[in-house]
Amino acid sequence: MSLAIFDLDNTLLADDSDYLWGQFLIEQGIVDSVSYERENQQFYDDYRAGTLDIQEFLAFMLRPLAEHSLEQLLAWRAQFIEDKIRPILLPKAMELLARHRTAGDTLLIITATNRFLTAPIAELLEVPDLLATEVEFTAGRYTGRPIGIPCFQHGKVERLSAWLAETGHNLDESWFYSDSHNDLPLLGQVSYPVAVDPDATLAEHAQEHGWPIISLRGA
């Protein structure tokens, strides 16, 4: 049984769920539109450039979770899934997941986006195992603070290593699908790295190393 690992944003989804959550908060009038949109865009640009300060980003992204009740957050999240996530599901991504599932592979999503947002998305994609950035939750509320190692860049390698030790899985005959050069540390660890609709840096690296480049977009 092989392990098939998938990045989420811009890989299995046709957009970035973290960024879209920020846009959703703006559209709903939950956050200040001018300042929040400016910061949301800047962090997204930094991510794509490979210069993101993950701790600063998490402080920004998780703050709204601490400012509202769990009941309200869950209601907003449900609407977010319907309005922003269902429209960016990719049929080819669902087919790819189904092929690995039929082959008997263990499916795992690994994402820098926090678990609050991604747990229902993984459920929608019918992937039971998820490694995501964890958020502190105490006394019935989110604190807005991350806990543990953020699931980002080399942190994905560390989080996956711990998961492998806990579950007994290994990277023999393993796959990892990603769109981003931020995932190069983990792509270099698996048996079969695959670049999916990659950014320019990852596309160049994949070509140099003979990695497959595929697209899950379009017909």
N, C-alpha and C. Protein backbone atom coordinates (compact mmCIF):
# COMPACT_ATOMS: atom_id res chain seq x y z
N MET A 1 0.84 -1.20 0.00
CA MET A 1 0.00 0.00 0.00
C MET A 1 0.87 1.25 0.00
N SER A 2 0.66 2.12 -0.98
CA SER A 2 1.45 3.35 -1.09
C SER A 2 0.77 4.49 -0.36
N LEU A 3 1.53 5.52 -0.11
CA LEU A 3 1.02 6.74 0.51
C LEU A 3 0.94 7.81 -0.56
N ALA A 4 -0.26 8.35 -0.78
CA ALA A 4 -0.46 9.42 -1.76
C ALA A 4 -0.76 10.71 -1.01
N ILE A 5 0.16 11.66 -1.08
CA ILE A 5 0.07 12.90 -0.33
C ILE A 5 -0.29 14.03 -1.29
N PHE A 6 -1.16 14.92 -0.84
CA PHE A 6 -1.64 16.00 -1.70
C PHE A 6 -1.57 17.33 -0.97
N ASP A 7 -0.96 18.31 -1.60
CA ASP A 7 -1.15 19.70 -1.17
C ASP A 7 -2.61 20.05 -1.48
N LEU A 8 -3.12 21.08 -0.84
CA LEU A 8 -4.54 21.42 -1.02
C LEU A 8 -4.72 22.61 -1.96
N ASP A 9 -4.27 23.78 -1.54
CA ASP A 9 -4.55 25.02 -2.26
C ASP A 9 -3.82 25.07 -3.59
N ASN A 10 -4.58 25.37 -4.64
CA ASN A 10 -4.06 25.43 -6.01
C ASN A 10 -3.49 24.11 -6.50
N THR A 11 -3.82 23.04 -5.79
CA THR A 11 -3.48 21.69 -6.24
C THR A 11 -4.77 20.90 -6.39
N LEU A 12 -5.38 20.52 -5.27
CA LEU A 12 -6.69 19.86 -5.33
C LEU A 12 -7.81 20.87 -5.52
N LEU A 13 -7.55 22.11 -5.14
CA LEU A 13 -8.51 23.21 -5.34
C LEU A 13 -7.98 24.15 -6.41
N ALA A 14 -8.90 24.86 -7.06
CA ALA A 14 -8.50 25.78 -8.13
C ALA A 14 -8.15 27.18 -7.62
N ASP A 15 -7.98 27.31 -6.30
CA ASP A 15 -7.62 28.60 -5.72
C ASP A 15 -7.07 28.33 -4.33
N ASP A 16 -6.80 29.39 -3.58
CA ASP A 16 -6.19 29.29 -2.26
C ASP A 16 -7.25 29.53 -1.18
N SER A 17 -7.51 28.53 -0.36
CA SER A 17 -8.59 28.63 0.63
C SER A 17 -8.29 29.67 1.70
N ASP A 18 -7.05 29.82 2.11
CA ASP A 18 -6.68 30.86 3.08
C ASP A 18 -7.03 32.24 2.54
N TYR A 19 -6.59 32.50 1.32
CA TYR A 19 -6.85 33.81 0.70
C TYR A 19 -8.35 34.03 0.52
N LEU A 20 -9.06 33.00 0.08
CA LEU A 20 -10.49 33.13 -0.14
C LEU A 20 -11.26 33.36 1.16
N TRP A 21 -10.78 32.76 2.25
CA TRP A 21 -11.41 33.01 3.56
C TRP A 21 -11.29 34.49 3.91
N GLY A 22 -10.12 35.07 3.64
CA GLY A 22 -9.95 36.50 3.88
C GLY A 22 -10.91 37.32 3.04
N GLN A 23 -11.07 36.94 1.78
CA GLN A 23 -12.01 37.65 0.91
C GLN A 23 -13.45 37.48 1.39
N PHE A 24 -13.76 36.30 1.88
CA PHE A 24 -15.10 36.04 2.42
C PHE A 24 -15.37 36.94 3.62
N LEU A 25 -14.41 37.05 4.53
CA LEU A 25 -14.58 37.91 5.70
C LEU A 25 -14.81 39.36 5.30
N ILE A 26 -14.10 39.79 4.26
CA ILE A 26 -14.27 41.16 3.76
C ILE A 26 -15.66 41.34 3.19
N GLU A 27 -16.08 40.40 2.35
CA GLU A 27 -17.39 40.52 1.69
C GLU A 27 -18.55 40.50 2.69
N GLN A 28 -18.35 39.78 3.79
CA GLN A 28 -19.40 39.70 4.80
C GLN A 28 -19.37 40.88 5.77
N GLY A 29 -18.40 41.76 5.62
CA GLY A 29 -18.29 42.91 6.50
C GLY A 29 -17.80 42.55 7.89
N ILE A 30 -17.12 41.43 8.02
CA ILE A 30 -16.64 40.94 9.32
C ILE A 30 -15.34 41.63 9.72
N VAL A 31 -14.56 42.04 8.73
CA VAL A 31 -13.29 42.72 8.97
C VAL A 31 -13.27 44.01 8.16
N ASP A 32 -12.37 44.91 8.51
CA ASP A 32 -12.22 46.15 7.77
C ASP A 32 -11.75 45.85 6.35
N SER A 33 -12.51 46.31 5.38
CA SER A 33 -12.25 45.91 4.00
C SER A 33 -10.91 46.43 3.48
N VAL A 34 -10.58 47.68 3.77
CA VAL A 34 -9.39 48.28 3.18
C VAL A 34 -8.12 47.68 3.76
N SER A 35 -7.97 47.71 5.07
CA SER A 35 -6.73 47.24 5.68
C SER A 35 -6.59 45.72 5.57
N TYR A 36 -7.69 45.00 5.76
CA TYR A 36 -7.59 43.54 5.73
C TYR A 36 -7.28 43.05 4.32
N GLU A 37 -7.92 43.65 3.32
CA GLU A 37 -7.64 43.22 1.95
C GLU A 37 -6.20 43.51 1.57
N ARG A 38 -5.68 44.66 2.00
CA ARG A 38 -4.29 45.00 1.71
C ARG A 38 -3.34 43.97 2.32
N GLU A 39 -3.56 43.64 3.58
CA GLU A 39 -2.68 42.68 4.25
C GLU A 39 -2.87 41.27 3.68
N ASN A 40 -4.10 40.89 3.41
CA ASN A 40 -4.37 39.58 2.87
C ASN A 40 -3.64 39.38 1.54
N GLN A 41 -3.70 40.39 0.69
CA GLN A 41 -3.03 40.32 -0.61
C GLN A 41 -1.52 40.29 -0.44
N GLN A 42 -0.98 41.09 0.50
CA GLN A 42 0.46 41.12 0.69
C GLN A 42 0.99 39.77 1.18
N PHE A 43 0.29 39.17 2.11
CA PHE A 43 0.72 37.85 2.59
C PHE A 43 0.65 36.81 1.47
N TYR A 44 -0.36 36.88 0.65
CA TYR A 44 -0.50 35.93 -0.46
C TYR A 44 0.64 36.13 -1.46
N ASP A 45 0.98 37.38 -1.74
CA ASP A 45 2.10 37.67 -2.63
C ASP A 45 3.41 37.16 -2.04
N ASP A 46 3.58 37.35 -0.73
CA ASP A 46 4.80 36.86 -0.07
C ASP A 46 4.88 35.33 -0.15
N TYR A 47 3.74 34.66 0.01
CA TYR A 47 3.72 33.20 -0.09
C TYR A 47 4.19 32.76 -1.47
N ARG A 48 3.64 33.38 -2.49
CA ARG A 48 3.99 32.98 -3.86
C ARG A 48 5.44 33.30 -4.18
N ALA A 49 5.98 34.33 -3.51
CA ALA A 49 7.38 34.70 -3.74
C ALA A 49 8.34 33.86 -2.90
N GLY A 50 7.82 33.10 -1.95
CA GLY A 50 8.68 32.30 -1.09
C GLY A 50 9.28 33.08 0.05
N THR A 51 8.70 34.25 0.37
CA THR A 51 9.25 35.10 1.43
C THR A 51 8.30 35.25 2.61
N LEU A 52 7.28 34.42 2.69
CA LEU A 52 6.28 34.55 3.74
C LEU A 52 6.86 34.30 5.13
N ASP A 53 6.60 35.22 6.05
CA ASP A 53 6.89 35.01 7.47
C ASP A 53 5.68 34.29 8.04
N ILE A 54 5.80 33.00 8.27
CA ILE A 54 4.65 32.19 8.62
C ILE A 54 4.04 32.61 9.96
N GLN A 55 4.86 33.03 10.91
CA GLN A 55 4.32 33.43 12.21
C GLN A 55 3.53 34.73 12.10
N GLU A 56 4.02 35.68 11.33
CA GLU A 56 3.27 36.92 11.12
C GLU A 56 1.96 36.64 10.39
N PHE A 57 2.03 35.77 9.40
CA PHE A 57 0.83 35.43 8.65
C PHE A 57 -0.21 34.77 9.54
N LEU A 58 0.23 33.83 10.38
CA LEU A 58 -0.72 33.13 11.24
C LEU A 58 -1.35 34.07 12.26
N ALA A 59 -0.57 35.01 12.78
CA ALA A 59 -1.13 36.00 13.72
C ALA A 59 -2.25 36.79 13.05
N PHE A 60 -2.03 37.13 11.78
CA PHE A 60 -3.05 37.86 11.01
C PHE A 60 -4.25 36.97 10.69
N MET A 61 -3.98 35.79 10.16
CA MET A 61 -5.05 34.94 9.65
C MET A 61 -5.93 34.37 10.77
N LEU A 62 -5.33 34.09 11.93
CA LEU A 62 -6.07 33.43 13.00
C LEU A 62 -6.77 34.42 13.94
N ARG A 63 -6.44 35.70 13.83
CA ARG A 63 -7.03 36.68 14.73
C ARG A 63 -8.56 36.68 14.71
N PRO A 64 -9.21 36.62 13.53
CA PRO A 64 -10.68 36.62 13.55
C PRO A 64 -11.28 35.43 14.28
N LEU A 65 -10.56 34.32 14.36
CA LEU A 65 -11.09 33.16 15.08
C LEU A 65 -11.22 33.46 16.57
N ALA A 66 -10.35 34.30 17.08
CA ALA A 66 -10.39 34.64 18.51
C ALA A 66 -11.43 35.71 18.83
N GLU A 67 -11.93 36.38 17.82
CA GLU A 67 -12.80 37.53 18.04
C GLU A 67 -14.29 37.20 17.98
N HIS A 68 -14.61 35.91 17.70
CA HIS A 68 -16.01 35.55 17.54
C HIS A 68 -16.28 34.19 18.19
N SER A 69 -17.54 33.97 18.50
CA SER A 69 -17.92 32.71 19.15
C SER A 69 -17.78 31.54 18.20
N LEU A 70 -17.63 30.36 18.75
CA LEU A 70 -17.53 29.16 17.93
C LEU A 70 -18.79 28.98 17.09
N GLU A 71 -19.95 29.23 17.67
CA GLU A 71 -21.20 29.08 16.94
C GLU A 71 -21.22 29.96 15.70
N GLN A 72 -20.80 31.22 15.86
CA GLN A 72 -20.78 32.14 14.73
C GLN A 72 -19.75 31.71 13.69
N LEU A 73 -18.58 31.29 14.15
CA LEU A 73 -17.53 30.86 13.23
C LEU A 73 -17.97 29.66 12.40
N LEU A 74 -18.63 28.72 13.03
CA LEU A 74 -19.09 27.52 12.32
C LEU A 74 -20.13 27.88 11.26
N ALA A 75 -20.99 28.83 11.59
CA ALA A 75 -21.99 29.27 10.61
C ALA A 75 -21.32 29.94 9.42
N TRP A 76 -20.36 30.82 9.70
CA TRP A 76 -19.63 31.46 8.60
C TRP A 76 -18.87 30.44 7.78
N ARG A 77 -18.25 29.47 8.45
CA ARG A 77 -17.47 28.46 7.73
C ARG A 77 -18.35 27.65 6.78
N ALA A 78 -19.53 27.28 7.25
CA ALA A 78 -20.45 26.51 6.40
C ALA A 78 -20.81 27.31 5.14
N GLN A 79 -21.06 28.60 5.32
CA GLN A 79 -21.37 29.44 4.17
C GLN A 79 -20.16 29.59 3.26
N PHE A 80 -18.98 29.72 3.86
CA PHE A 80 -17.73 29.82 3.10
C PHE A 80 -17.52 28.59 2.22
N ILE A 81 -17.78 27.42 2.78
CA ILE A 81 -17.60 26.19 2.01
C ILE A 81 -18.53 26.18 0.80
N GLU A 82 -19.77 26.59 1.00
CA GLU A 82 -20.73 26.60 -0.09
C GLU A 82 -20.41 27.67 -1.13
N ASP A 83 -20.05 28.87 -0.65
CA ASP A 83 -19.88 30.00 -1.56
C ASP A 83 -18.52 30.01 -2.26
N LYS A 84 -17.47 29.59 -1.54
CA LYS A 84 -16.11 29.76 -2.05
C LYS A 84 -15.40 28.46 -2.41
N ILE A 85 -15.72 27.37 -1.73
CA ILE A 85 -14.96 26.14 -1.95
C ILE A 85 -15.62 25.22 -2.97
N ARG A 86 -16.89 24.97 -2.84
CA ARG A 86 -17.54 24.08 -3.82
C ARG A 86 -17.31 24.55 -5.26
N PRO A 87 -17.35 25.86 -5.54
CA PRO A 87 -17.13 26.29 -6.93
C PRO A 87 -15.72 26.05 -7.46
N ILE A 88 -14.76 25.80 -6.57
CA ILE A 88 -13.37 25.62 -7.05
C ILE A 88 -12.90 24.17 -6.92
N LEU A 89 -13.85 23.25 -6.67
CA LEU A 89 -13.49 21.84 -6.71
C LEU A 89 -13.18 21.45 -8.15
N LEU A 90 -12.16 20.63 -8.33
CA LEU A 90 -11.71 20.27 -9.66
C LEU A 90 -12.08 18.82 -9.97
N PRO A 91 -12.88 18.59 -11.00
CA PRO A 91 -13.22 17.20 -11.36
C PRO A 91 -12.01 16.31 -11.57
N LYS A 92 -10.97 16.85 -12.20
CA LYS A 92 -9.77 16.03 -12.42
C LYS A 92 -9.08 15.69 -11.11
N ALA A 93 -9.16 16.58 -10.13
CA ALA A 93 -8.60 16.29 -8.82
C ALA A 93 -9.38 15.16 -8.16
N MET A 94 -10.69 15.20 -8.28
CA MET A 94 -11.51 14.13 -7.72
C MET A 94 -11.20 12.80 -8.39
N GLU A 95 -10.95 12.83 -9.70
CA GLU A 95 -10.58 11.62 -10.42
C GLU A 95 -9.23 11.08 -9.96
N LEU A 96 -8.27 11.98 -9.73
CA LEU A 96 -6.96 11.57 -9.25
C LEU A 96 -7.06 10.93 -7.87
N LEU A 97 -7.82 11.55 -6.99
CA LEU A 97 -8.03 10.97 -5.67
C LEU A 97 -8.67 9.59 -5.78
N ALA A 98 -9.64 9.47 -6.68
CA ALA A 98 -10.35 8.20 -6.86
C ALA A 98 -9.41 7.11 -7.37
N ARG A 99 -8.49 7.47 -8.26
CA ARG A 99 -7.54 6.48 -8.79
C ARG A 99 -6.66 5.93 -7.68
N HIS A 100 -6.15 6.83 -6.84
CA HIS A 100 -5.31 6.36 -5.73
C HIS A 100 -6.14 5.57 -4.72
N ARG A 101 -7.37 5.99 -4.50
CA ARG A 101 -8.24 5.28 -3.57
C ARG A 101 -8.52 3.86 -4.08
N THR A 102 -8.80 3.74 -5.36
CA THR A 102 -9.09 2.44 -5.96
C THR A 102 -7.86 1.54 -5.92
N ALA A 103 -6.68 2.15 -6.03
CA ALA A 103 -5.44 1.37 -5.96
C ALA A 103 -5.11 0.89 -4.55
N GLY A 104 -5.91 1.33 -3.58
CA GLY A 104 -5.67 0.93 -2.21
C GLY A 104 -4.67 1.78 -1.47
N ASP A 105 -4.32 2.92 -2.05
CA ASP A 105 -3.34 3.80 -1.42
C ASP A 105 -3.97 4.55 -0.24
N THR A 106 -3.13 4.93 0.70
CA THR A 106 -3.56 5.79 1.80
C THR A 106 -3.46 7.24 1.33
N LEU A 107 -4.56 7.98 1.44
CA LEU A 107 -4.61 9.37 1.00
C LEU A 107 -4.40 10.31 2.18
N LEU A 108 -3.58 11.33 1.96
CA LEU A 108 -3.27 12.30 3.00
C LEU A 108 -3.17 13.69 2.39
N ILE A 109 -3.92 14.64 2.94
CA ILE A 109 -3.76 16.04 2.57
C ILE A 109 -2.83 16.69 3.57
N ILE A 110 -1.88 17.47 3.06
CA ILE A 110 -0.95 18.19 3.93
C ILE A 110 -0.93 19.65 3.46
N THR A 111 -1.27 20.55 4.38
CA THR A 111 -1.49 21.94 3.98
C THR A 111 -1.07 22.92 5.07
N ALA A 112 -0.58 24.07 4.64
CA ALA A 112 -0.22 25.13 5.59
C ALA A 112 -1.46 25.81 6.15
N THR A 113 -2.57 25.71 5.45
CA THR A 113 -3.81 26.33 5.91
C THR A 113 -4.29 25.65 7.19
N ASN A 114 -4.91 26.42 8.07
CA ASN A 114 -5.26 25.90 9.39
C ASN A 114 -6.37 24.86 9.34
N ARG A 115 -6.43 24.04 10.37
CA ARG A 115 -7.38 22.92 10.42
C ARG A 115 -8.83 23.40 10.48
N PHE A 116 -9.08 24.54 11.12
CA PHE A 116 -10.45 25.04 11.18
C PHE A 116 -11.04 25.15 9.78
N LEU A 117 -10.26 25.70 8.85
CA LEU A 117 -10.76 25.85 7.48
C LEU A 117 -10.71 24.56 6.68
N THR A 118 -9.68 23.76 6.89
CA THR A 118 -9.43 22.66 5.97
C THR A 118 -10.08 21.34 6.35
N ALA A 119 -10.46 21.17 7.61
CA ALA A 119 -11.09 19.90 7.99
C ALA A 119 -12.36 19.62 7.17
N PRO A 120 -13.27 20.59 7.02
CA PRO A 120 -14.45 20.31 6.20
C PRO A 120 -14.13 20.17 4.71
N ILE A 121 -13.04 20.79 4.25
CA ILE A 121 -12.65 20.64 2.84
C ILE A 121 -12.13 19.22 2.60
N ALA A 122 -11.30 18.72 3.52
CA ALA A 122 -10.82 17.34 3.40
C ALA A 122 -11.99 16.37 3.41
N GLU A 123 -12.99 16.64 4.25
CA GLU A 123 -14.17 15.79 4.30
C GLU A 123 -14.92 15.84 2.97
N LEU A 124 -15.02 17.01 2.38
CA LEU A 124 -15.68 17.19 1.09
C LEU A 124 -14.96 16.38 0.02
N LEU A 125 -13.64 16.32 0.12
CA LEU A 125 -12.82 15.58 -0.85
C LEU A 125 -12.72 14.09 -0.51
N GLU A 126 -13.34 13.70 0.60
CA GLU A 126 -13.34 12.31 1.06
C GLU A 126 -11.94 11.79 1.33
N VAL A 127 -11.11 12.65 1.93
CA VAL A 127 -9.77 12.27 2.35
C VAL A 127 -9.75 12.28 3.88
N PRO A 128 -9.64 11.12 4.52
CA PRO A 128 -9.80 11.05 5.97
C PRO A 128 -8.62 11.58 6.76
N ASP A 129 -7.43 11.57 6.16
CA ASP A 129 -6.23 11.97 6.90
C ASP A 129 -5.79 13.37 6.46
N LEU A 130 -5.56 14.23 7.44
CA LEU A 130 -5.23 15.63 7.18
C LEU A 130 -4.14 16.09 8.14
N LEU A 131 -3.10 16.69 7.57
CA LEU A 131 -2.10 17.41 8.36
C LEU A 131 -2.23 18.88 7.98
N ALA A 132 -2.54 19.71 8.96
CA ALA A 132 -2.74 21.14 8.73
C ALA A 132 -2.14 21.91 9.90
N THR A 133 -2.00 23.20 9.74
CA THR A 133 -1.55 24.02 10.86
C THR A 133 -2.63 24.01 11.94
N GLU A 134 -2.21 23.73 13.17
CA GLU A 134 -3.15 23.56 14.27
C GLU A 134 -3.38 24.89 14.99
N VAL A 135 -4.58 25.06 15.50
CA VAL A 135 -4.97 26.30 16.18
C VAL A 135 -5.38 25.98 17.61
N GLU A 136 -4.90 26.79 18.55
CA GLU A 136 -5.22 26.57 19.96
C GLU A 136 -6.71 26.80 20.21
N PHE A 137 -7.30 25.87 20.95
CA PHE A 137 -8.73 25.94 21.28
C PHE A 137 -8.87 25.61 22.76
N THR A 138 -9.44 26.53 23.52
CA THR A 138 -9.56 26.30 24.96
C THR A 138 -10.83 26.97 25.47
N ALA A 139 -11.45 26.35 26.44
CA ALA A 139 -12.67 26.88 27.06
C ALA A 139 -13.73 27.23 26.03
N GLY A 140 -13.83 26.41 25.00
CA GLY A 140 -14.87 26.58 24.00
C GLY A 140 -14.63 27.66 22.97
N ARG A 141 -13.39 28.21 22.92
CA ARG A 141 -13.10 29.28 21.97
C ARG A 141 -11.71 29.08 21.37
N TYR A 142 -11.54 29.58 20.17
CA TYR A 142 -10.20 29.66 19.58
C TYR A 142 -9.47 30.87 20.18
N THR A 143 -8.18 30.68 20.43
CA THR A 143 -7.40 31.77 21.00
C THR A 143 -6.75 32.65 19.94
N GLY A 144 -6.71 32.16 18.70
CA GLY A 144 -6.03 32.89 17.65
C GLY A 144 -4.55 32.60 17.58
N ARG A 145 -4.09 31.63 18.38
CA ARG A 145 -2.66 31.28 18.37
C ARG A 145 -2.47 29.89 17.75
N PRO A 146 -1.44 29.75 16.92
CA PRO A 146 -1.12 28.42 16.40
C PRO A 146 -0.44 27.59 17.48
N ILE A 147 -0.54 26.29 17.36
CA ILE A 147 0.17 25.41 18.27
C ILE A 147 0.99 24.41 17.46
N GLY A 148 2.13 24.04 18.00
CA GLY A 148 2.99 23.09 17.32
C GLY A 148 3.70 23.72 16.13
N ILE A 149 4.22 22.87 15.28
CA ILE A 149 4.97 23.30 14.11
C ILE A 149 4.01 23.66 12.98
N PRO A 150 4.08 24.87 12.45
CA PRO A 150 3.24 25.20 11.30
C PRO A 150 3.53 24.25 10.14
N CYS A 151 2.49 23.86 9.44
CA CYS A 151 2.62 22.87 8.37
C CYS A 151 3.01 23.59 7.07
N PHE A 152 4.23 24.14 7.06
CA PHE A 152 4.65 25.03 5.98
C PHE A 152 6.12 24.80 5.68
N GLN A 153 6.46 24.71 4.38
CA GLN A 153 7.82 24.49 3.92
C GLN A 153 8.42 23.29 4.66
N HIS A 154 9.57 23.44 5.32
CA HIS A 154 10.18 22.28 5.97
C HIS A 154 9.33 21.75 7.12
N GLY A 155 8.44 22.61 7.63
CA GLY A 155 7.53 22.15 8.67
C GLY A 155 6.65 21.01 8.19
N LYS A 156 6.35 20.97 6.90
CA LYS A 156 5.59 19.84 6.37
C LYS A 156 6.37 18.54 6.52
N VAL A 157 7.66 18.60 6.29
CA VAL A 157 8.50 17.41 6.45
C VAL A 157 8.49 16.95 7.90
N GLU A 158 8.63 17.89 8.82
CA GLU A 158 8.63 17.54 10.24
C GLU A 158 7.30 16.98 10.69
N ARG A 159 6.21 17.61 10.26
CA ARG A 159 4.88 17.12 10.65
C ARG A 159 4.61 15.74 10.05
N LEU A 160 5.02 15.56 8.80
CA LEU A 160 4.82 14.25 8.16
C LEU A 160 5.65 13.18 8.84
N SER A 161 6.88 13.50 9.21
CA SER A 161 7.74 12.53 9.89
C SER A 161 7.11 12.05 11.18
N ALA A 162 6.53 12.99 11.94
CA ALA A 162 5.87 12.62 13.18
C ALA A 162 4.64 11.76 12.90
N TRP A 163 3.89 12.10 11.85
CA TRP A 163 2.70 11.32 11.49
C TRP A 163 3.07 9.91 11.07
N LEU A 164 4.15 9.79 10.31
CA LEU A 164 4.61 8.47 9.89
C LEU A 164 4.97 7.61 11.09
N ALA A 165 5.65 8.21 12.05
CA ALA A 165 6.04 7.47 13.26
C ALA A 165 4.82 7.03 14.06
N GLU A 166 3.80 7.88 14.08
CA GLU A 166 2.58 7.58 14.84
C GLU A 166 1.73 6.51 14.17
N THR A 167 1.69 6.52 12.86
CA THR A 167 0.76 5.66 12.13
C THR A 167 1.39 4.38 11.58
N GLY A 168 2.71 4.35 11.51
CA GLY A 168 3.38 3.17 10.96
C GLY A 168 3.50 3.18 9.45
N HIS A 169 3.06 4.25 8.81
CA HIS A 169 3.25 4.36 7.36
C HIS A 169 4.70 4.73 7.06
N ASN A 170 5.09 4.62 5.79
CA ASN A 170 6.43 5.02 5.38
C ASN A 170 6.37 5.63 3.99
N LEU A 171 7.49 6.12 3.54
CA LEU A 171 7.54 6.81 2.25
C LEU A 171 7.99 5.91 1.11
N ASP A 172 8.03 4.60 1.32
CA ASP A 172 8.33 3.68 0.23
C ASP A 172 7.22 3.78 -0.82
N GLU A 173 7.59 4.01 -2.06
CA GLU A 173 6.61 4.12 -3.15
C GLU A 173 5.56 5.21 -2.88
N SER A 174 6.00 6.32 -2.30
CA SER A 174 5.08 7.41 -1.94
C SER A 174 5.00 8.45 -3.05
N TRP A 175 3.87 9.17 -3.07
CA TRP A 175 3.60 10.23 -4.02
C TRP A 175 3.37 11.54 -3.26
N PHE A 176 3.74 12.65 -3.89
CA PHE A 176 3.33 13.95 -3.37
C PHE A 176 3.03 14.86 -4.54
N TYR A 177 1.83 15.43 -4.53
CA TYR A 177 1.36 16.33 -5.57
C TYR A 177 1.30 17.74 -5.02
N SER A 178 1.94 18.69 -5.70
CA SER A 178 1.91 20.08 -5.23
C SER A 178 2.11 21.05 -6.38
N ASP A 179 1.60 22.26 -6.18
CA ASP A 179 1.76 23.33 -7.16
C ASP A 179 2.88 24.29 -6.82
N SER A 180 3.42 24.22 -5.59
CA SER A 180 4.22 25.33 -5.07
C SER A 180 5.67 24.97 -4.77
N HIS A 181 6.57 25.92 -5.09
CA HIS A 181 7.97 25.74 -4.74
C HIS A 181 8.18 25.74 -3.23
N ASN A 182 7.20 26.23 -2.47
CA ASN A 182 7.30 26.15 -1.02
C ASN A 182 7.31 24.70 -0.53
N ASP A 183 6.86 23.79 -1.38
CA ASP A 183 6.81 22.38 -1.00
C ASP A 183 8.01 21.58 -1.49
N LEU A 184 9.02 22.23 -2.00
CA LEU A 184 10.22 21.51 -2.47
C LEU A 184 10.85 20.64 -1.38
N PRO A 185 10.89 21.08 -0.10
CA PRO A 185 11.48 20.20 0.92
C PRO A 185 10.79 18.83 0.99
N LEU A 186 9.47 18.80 0.89
CA LEU A 186 8.76 17.53 0.96
C LEU A 186 8.77 16.81 -0.38
N LEU A 187 8.68 17.53 -1.46
CA LEU A 187 8.74 16.90 -2.78
C LEU A 187 10.03 16.10 -2.93
N GLY A 188 11.10 16.59 -2.32
CA GLY A 188 12.39 15.89 -2.41
C GLY A 188 12.48 14.64 -1.55
N GLN A 189 11.47 14.39 -0.72
CA GLN A 189 11.51 13.25 0.20
C GLN A 189 10.76 12.03 -0.33
N VAL A 190 9.86 12.22 -1.28
CA VAL A 190 8.99 11.12 -1.70
C VAL A 190 9.55 10.40 -2.92
N SER A 191 8.97 9.22 -3.18
CA SER A 191 9.43 8.43 -4.33
C SER A 191 9.02 9.07 -5.65
N TYR A 192 7.80 9.61 -5.67
CA TYR A 192 7.25 10.14 -6.92
C TYR A 192 6.71 11.55 -6.71
N PRO A 193 7.57 12.55 -6.83
CA PRO A 193 7.09 13.94 -6.75
C PRO A 193 6.41 14.33 -8.05
N VAL A 194 5.27 15.03 -7.94
CA VAL A 194 4.53 15.46 -9.12
C VAL A 194 4.19 16.94 -8.98
N ALA A 195 4.56 17.72 -9.98
CA ALA A 195 4.22 19.14 -10.00
C ALA A 195 2.86 19.31 -10.67
N VAL A 196 1.94 19.97 -9.97
CA VAL A 196 0.56 20.12 -10.45
C VAL A 196 0.29 21.59 -10.75
N ASP A 197 0.08 21.91 -12.03
CA ASP A 197 -0.13 23.32 -12.40
C ASP A 197 0.86 24.20 -11.64
N PRO A 198 2.15 23.91 -11.78
CA PRO A 198 3.14 24.51 -10.87
C PRO A 198 3.43 25.97 -11.13
N ASP A 199 3.90 26.65 -10.06
CA ASP A 199 4.43 27.99 -10.24
C ASP A 199 5.73 27.89 -11.04
N ALA A 200 6.24 29.04 -11.46
CA ALA A 200 7.39 29.04 -12.37
C ALA A 200 8.62 28.37 -11.75
N THR A 201 8.85 28.63 -10.46
CA THR A 201 10.03 28.06 -9.79
C THR A 201 9.92 26.55 -9.70
N LEU A 202 8.77 26.04 -9.32
CA LEU A 202 8.60 24.60 -9.23
C LEU A 202 8.65 23.96 -10.62
N ALA A 203 8.06 24.61 -11.62
CA ALA A 203 8.08 24.06 -12.98
C ALA A 203 9.51 23.90 -13.47
N GLU A 204 10.33 24.90 -13.22
CA GLU A 204 11.74 24.82 -13.64
C GLU A 204 12.46 23.69 -12.91
N HIS A 205 12.23 23.59 -11.60
CA HIS A 205 12.87 22.54 -10.81
C HIS A 205 12.41 21.16 -11.29
N ALA A 206 11.13 21.02 -11.55
CA ALA A 206 10.60 19.74 -12.01
C ALA A 206 11.20 19.33 -13.35
N GLN A 207 11.33 20.28 -14.26
CA GLN A 207 11.93 20.00 -15.56
C GLN A 207 13.38 19.58 -15.42
N GLU A 208 14.11 20.25 -14.55
CA GLU A 208 15.52 19.93 -14.34
C GLU A 208 15.71 18.54 -13.75
N HIS A 209 14.75 18.09 -12.94
CA HIS A 209 14.90 16.82 -12.25
C HIS A 209 14.05 15.71 -12.86
N GLY A 210 13.39 16.00 -13.96
CA GLY A 210 12.62 14.98 -14.64
C GLY A 210 11.35 14.56 -13.92
N TRP A 211 10.80 15.46 -13.11
CA TRP A 211 9.55 15.14 -12.42
C TRP A 211 8.37 15.36 -13.37
N PRO A 212 7.33 14.55 -13.24
CA PRO A 212 6.13 14.79 -14.05
C PRO A 212 5.51 16.14 -13.72
N ILE A 213 4.98 16.78 -14.74
CA ILE A 213 4.21 18.00 -14.58
C ILE A 213 2.82 17.73 -15.16
N ILE A 214 1.79 17.89 -14.34
CA ILE A 214 0.43 17.62 -14.78
C ILE A 214 -0.46 18.82 -14.52
N SER A 215 -1.63 18.81 -15.13
CA SER A 215 -2.64 19.84 -14.86
C SER A 215 -3.94 19.18 -14.46
N LEU A 216 -4.56 19.74 -13.42
CA LEU A 216 -5.88 19.29 -13.00
C LEU A 216 -6.94 20.32 -13.34
N ARG A 217 -6.57 21.31 -14.13
CA ARG A 217 -7.49 22.38 -14.53
C ARG A 217 -8.11 22.06 -15.89
N GLY A 218 -9.22 22.66 -16.15
CA GLY A 218 -9.82 22.59 -17.47
C GLY A 218 -10.42 21.24 -17.80
N ALA A 219 -10.79 21.11 -19.07
CA ALA A 219 -11.47 19.88 -19.54
C ALA A 219 -10.48 18.73 -19.70
